[in-house]
Amino acid sequence: MDASLTVENGGTMIDADGALGEKGTFGKPSPWIDCFGKRGDIIEGMAIMQHPSNAWYPSPWFTRDYGFFSPTPMYWPADDKATVLKKGETIHLKYRVLVHSGTNETAKIADEFKRYQDEK
């Protein structure tokens, strides 16, 4: 995320449940996270959405108030030991990145996610 839009610089990071910032979102599963802030007179942001067809959905997020946020499906294994894929096994993961103006509410991120989750 652009540094001027980050939590450290007055921006907002919010997940689908309304948890805020690194403290509220790090390691927590959520279908999406949005990060937005003000640059000049304009509010702009970026949301990342996980598709429900993904293995480990919704996976936990690795977030930092300095602007990094990413779903991390293999970082927290279900058995707390390892994520194991068999030789030759294939997984398909789908994500959507939405660059927008406004806040998560004015950009209707929750509605955008509802449309995305219905896509095959």
C-alpha atoms as a PDB file:
ATOM      1  CA  MET A   1       0.000   0.000   0.000  1.00  0.00           C
ATOM      2  CA  ASP A   2       1.211   3.497  -0.713  1.00  0.00           C
ATOM      3  CA  ALA A   3       2.810   4.853   2.457  1.00  0.00           C
ATOM      4  CA  SER A   4       0.649   7.982   2.495  1.00  0.00           C
ATOM      5  CA  LEU A   5      -2.515   5.840   2.800  1.00  0.00           C
ATOM      6  CA  THR A   6      -1.375   3.530   5.587  1.00  0.00           C
ATOM      7  CA  VAL A   7      -2.540   3.273   9.192  1.00  0.00           C
ATOM      8  CA  GLU A   8       0.808   4.734  10.295  1.00  0.00           C
ATOM      9  CA  ASN A   9      -0.052   7.865   8.315  1.00  0.00           C
ATOM     10  CA  GLY A  10      -3.696   8.220   9.370  1.00  0.00           C
ATOM     11  CA  GLY A  11      -5.275   5.674   7.030  1.00  0.00           C
ATOM     12  CA  THR A  12      -7.598   2.810   7.905  1.00  0.00           C
ATOM     13  CA  MET A  13      -7.183  -0.945   7.577  1.00  0.00           C
ATOM     14  CA  ILE A  14     -10.450  -2.812   8.137  1.00  0.00           C
ATOM     15  CA  ASP A  15     -11.627  -6.378   7.651  1.00  0.00           C
ATOM     16  CA  ALA A  16     -15.080  -7.782   6.859  1.00  0.00           C
ATOM     17  CA  ASP A  17     -15.949  -7.959  10.567  1.00  0.00           C
ATOM     18  CA  GLY A  18     -14.915  -4.355  11.231  1.00  0.00           C
ATOM     19  CA  ALA A  19     -11.635  -5.196  12.995  1.00  0.00           C
ATOM     20  CA  LEU A  20      -9.117  -2.393  12.572  1.00  0.00           C
ATOM     21  CA  GLY A  21      -5.388  -2.106  11.991  1.00  0.00           C
ATOM     22  CA  GLU A  22      -2.651  -4.633  12.464  1.00  0.00           C
ATOM     23  CA  LYS A  23      -3.678  -5.262  16.055  1.00  0.00           C
ATOM     24  CA  GLY A  24      -7.214  -6.232  15.055  1.00  0.00           C
ATOM     25  CA  THR A  25      -6.520  -8.092  11.805  1.00  0.00           C
ATOM     26  CA  PHE A  26      -3.151  -9.861  12.097  1.00  0.00           C
ATOM     27  CA  GLY A  27      -3.626 -13.630  12.013  1.00  0.00           C
ATOM     28  CA  LYS A  28      -7.409 -13.362  11.849  1.00  0.00           C
ATOM     29  CA  PRO A  29      -9.413 -15.022   9.070  1.00  0.00           C
ATOM     30  CA  SER A  30     -11.572 -12.695   6.988  1.00  0.00           C
ATOM     31  CA  PRO A  31     -12.985 -12.809   3.449  1.00  0.00           C
ATOM     32  CA  TRP A  32     -11.488  -9.400   2.678  1.00  0.00           C
ATOM     33  CA  ILE A  33      -9.435  -6.507   3.992  1.00  0.00           C
ATOM     34  CA  ASP A  34      -9.562  -2.935   2.779  1.00  0.00           C
ATOM     35  CA  CYS A  35      -6.949  -0.262   3.367  1.00  0.00           C
ATOM     36  CA  PHE A  36      -7.702   3.362   2.546  1.00  0.00           C
ATOM     37  CA  GLY A  37      -6.503   6.829   3.385  1.00  0.00           C
ATOM     38  CA  LYS A  38      -6.495  10.437   2.329  1.00  0.00           C
ATOM     39  CA  ARG A  39      -4.107  11.888  -0.219  1.00  0.00           C
ATOM     40  CA  GLY A  40      -4.716  15.594  -0.626  1.00  0.00           C
ATOM     41  CA  ASP A  41      -8.482  16.013  -0.788  1.00  0.00           C
ATOM     42  CA  ILE A  42      -9.134  12.499  -2.098  1.00  0.00           C
ATOM     43  CA  ILE A  43      -9.735   9.269  -0.181  1.00  0.00           C
ATOM     44  CA  GLU A  44      -8.449   6.242  -2.041  1.00  0.00           C
ATOM     45  CA  GLY A  45      -7.781   2.653  -1.182  1.00  0.00           C
ATOM     46  CA  MET A  46      -7.306  -0.956  -2.112  1.00  0.00           C
ATOM     47  CA  ALA A  47      -9.165  -4.076  -1.037  1.00  0.00           C
ATOM     48  CA  ILE A  48      -8.015  -7.667  -1.376  1.00  0.00           C
ATOM     49  CA  MET A  49     -10.684 -10.362  -1.468  1.00  0.00           C
ATOM     50  CA  GLN A  50     -10.348 -14.124  -1.076  1.00  0.00           C
ATOM     51  CA  HIS A  51     -12.691 -16.308  -3.091  1.00  0.00           C
ATOM     52  CA  PRO A  52     -14.737 -18.837  -1.076  1.00  0.00           C
ATOM     53  CA  SER A  53     -13.594 -21.614  -3.435  1.00  0.00           C
ATOM     54  CA  ASN A  54     -10.034 -21.271  -2.095  1.00  0.00           C
ATOM     55  CA  ALA A  55      -8.633 -23.997   0.099  1.00  0.00           C
ATOM     56  CA  TRP A  56      -8.367 -22.770   3.684  1.00  0.00           C
ATOM     57  CA  TYR A  57     -10.999 -20.043   3.091  1.00  0.00           C
ATOM     58  CA  PRO A  58     -11.131 -17.645   4.777  1.00  0.00           C
ATOM     59  CA  SER A  59      -7.471 -17.779   5.549  1.00  0.00           C
ATOM     60  CA  PRO A  60      -5.772 -15.579   8.143  1.00  0.00           C
ATOM     61  CA  TRP A  61      -4.133 -12.331   7.123  1.00  0.00           C
ATOM     62  CA  PHE A  62      -0.601 -11.083   7.560  1.00  0.00           C
ATOM     63  CA  THR A  63      -1.003  -7.348   8.158  1.00  0.00           C
ATOM     64  CA  ARG A  64       1.218  -4.460   9.103  1.00  0.00           C
ATOM     65  CA  ASP A  65       0.206  -0.880   9.876  1.00  0.00           C
ATOM     66  CA  TYR A  66       2.953   0.336   7.538  1.00  0.00           C
ATOM     67  CA  GLY A  67       0.819  -0.879   4.609  1.00  0.00           C
ATOM     68  CA  PHE A  68       1.443  -4.565   4.017  1.00  0.00           C
ATOM     69  CA  PHE A  69      -1.598  -6.849   3.958  1.00  0.00           C
ATOM     70  CA  SER A  70      -1.939 -10.277   2.412  1.00  0.00           C
ATOM     71  CA  PRO A  71      -4.042 -13.378   2.901  1.00  0.00           C
ATOM     72  CA  THR A  72      -1.719 -16.162   4.001  1.00  0.00           C
ATOM     73  CA  PRO A  73      -3.415 -19.534   3.545  1.00  0.00           C
ATOM     74  CA  MET A  74      -0.293 -21.575   4.282  1.00  0.00           C
ATOM     75  CA  TYR A  75       1.272 -19.448   7.016  1.00  0.00           C
ATOM     76  CA  TRP A  76      -0.937 -20.818   9.810  1.00  0.00           C
ATOM     77  CA  PRO A  77      -1.353 -24.552   9.159  1.00  0.00           C
ATOM     78  CA  ALA A  78      -4.460 -26.221  10.561  1.00  0.00           C
ATOM     79  CA  ASP A  79      -2.350 -28.576  12.708  1.00  0.00           C
ATOM     80  CA  ASP A  80       0.030 -25.754  13.783  1.00  0.00           C
ATOM     81  CA  LYS A  81       2.924 -27.747  12.299  1.00  0.00           C
ATOM     82  CA  ALA A  82       2.946 -27.805   8.517  1.00  0.00           C
ATOM     83  CA  THR A  83       0.949 -27.381   5.355  1.00  0.00           C
ATOM     84  CA  VAL A  84       1.509 -30.488   3.280  1.00  0.00           C
ATOM     85  CA  LEU A  85       0.848 -30.849  -0.404  1.00  0.00           C
ATOM     86  CA  LYS A  86       1.322 -34.233  -2.035  1.00  0.00           C
ATOM     87  CA  LYS A  87       3.727 -34.462  -4.953  1.00  0.00           C
ATOM     88  CA  GLY A  88       1.854 -33.464  -8.088  1.00  0.00           C
ATOM     89  CA  GLU A  89      -1.085 -32.022  -6.143  1.00  0.00           C
ATOM     90  CA  THR A  90      -2.457 -28.825  -7.609  1.00  0.00           C
ATOM     91  CA  ILE A  91      -4.335 -26.092  -5.812  1.00  0.00           C
ATOM     92  CA  HIS A  92      -6.047 -23.110  -7.352  1.00  0.00           C
ATOM     93  CA  LEU A  93      -6.405 -19.910  -5.381  1.00  0.00           C
ATOM     94  CA  LYS A  94      -8.481 -16.944  -6.543  1.00  0.00           C
ATOM     95  CA  TYR A  95      -8.151 -13.378  -5.298  1.00  0.00           C
ATOM     96  CA  ARG A  96      -9.517 -10.040  -6.395  1.00  0.00           C
ATOM     97  CA  VAL A  97      -7.740  -6.723  -5.890  1.00  0.00           C
ATOM     98  CA  LEU A  98     -10.023  -3.720  -6.048  1.00  0.00           C
ATOM     99  CA  VAL A  99      -8.515  -0.225  -6.254  1.00  0.00           C
ATOM    100  CA  HIS A 100     -11.116   2.353  -5.313  1.00  0.00           C
ATOM    101  CA  SER A 101     -11.921   5.878  -4.261  1.00  0.00           C
ATOM    102  CA  GLY A 102     -13.590   6.530  -0.929  1.00  0.00           C
ATOM    103  CA  THR A 103     -13.835   4.465   2.234  1.00  0.00           C
ATOM    104  CA  ASN A 104     -14.769   0.792   2.438  1.00  0.00           C
ATOM    105  CA  GLU A 105     -18.371   1.911   2.974  1.00  0.00           C
ATOM    106  CA  THR A 106     -18.630   4.432   0.133  1.00  0.00           C
ATOM    107  CA  ALA A 107     -16.811   2.016  -2.207  1.00  0.00           C
ATOM    108  CA  LYS A 108     -19.285  -0.709  -1.108  1.00  0.00           C
ATOM    109  CA  ILE A 109     -16.543  -3.269  -0.538  1.00  0.00           C
ATOM    110  CA  ALA A 110     -18.923  -5.667   1.255  1.00  0.00           C
ATOM    111  CA  ASP A 111     -21.309  -5.559  -1.732  1.00  0.00           C
ATOM    112  CA  GLU A 112     -18.420  -6.031  -4.157  1.00  0.00           C
ATOM    113  CA  PHE A 113     -17.366  -9.086  -2.174  1.00  0.00           C
ATOM    114  CA  LYS A 114     -20.902 -10.543  -2.313  1.00  0.00           C
ATOM    115  CA  ARG A 115     -20.802 -10.290  -6.109  1.00  0.00           C
ATOM    116  CA  TYR A 116     -17.326 -11.815  -6.202  1.00  0.00           C
ATOM    117  CA  GLN A 117     -18.207 -14.771  -3.982  1.00  0.00           C
ATOM    118  CA  ASP A 118     -21.031 -15.712  -6.364  1.00  0.00           C
ATOM    119  CA  GLU A 119     -18.631 -15.992  -9.326  1.00  0.00           C
ATOM    120  CA  LYS A 120     -17.538 -19.504 -10.233  1.00  0.00           C
END
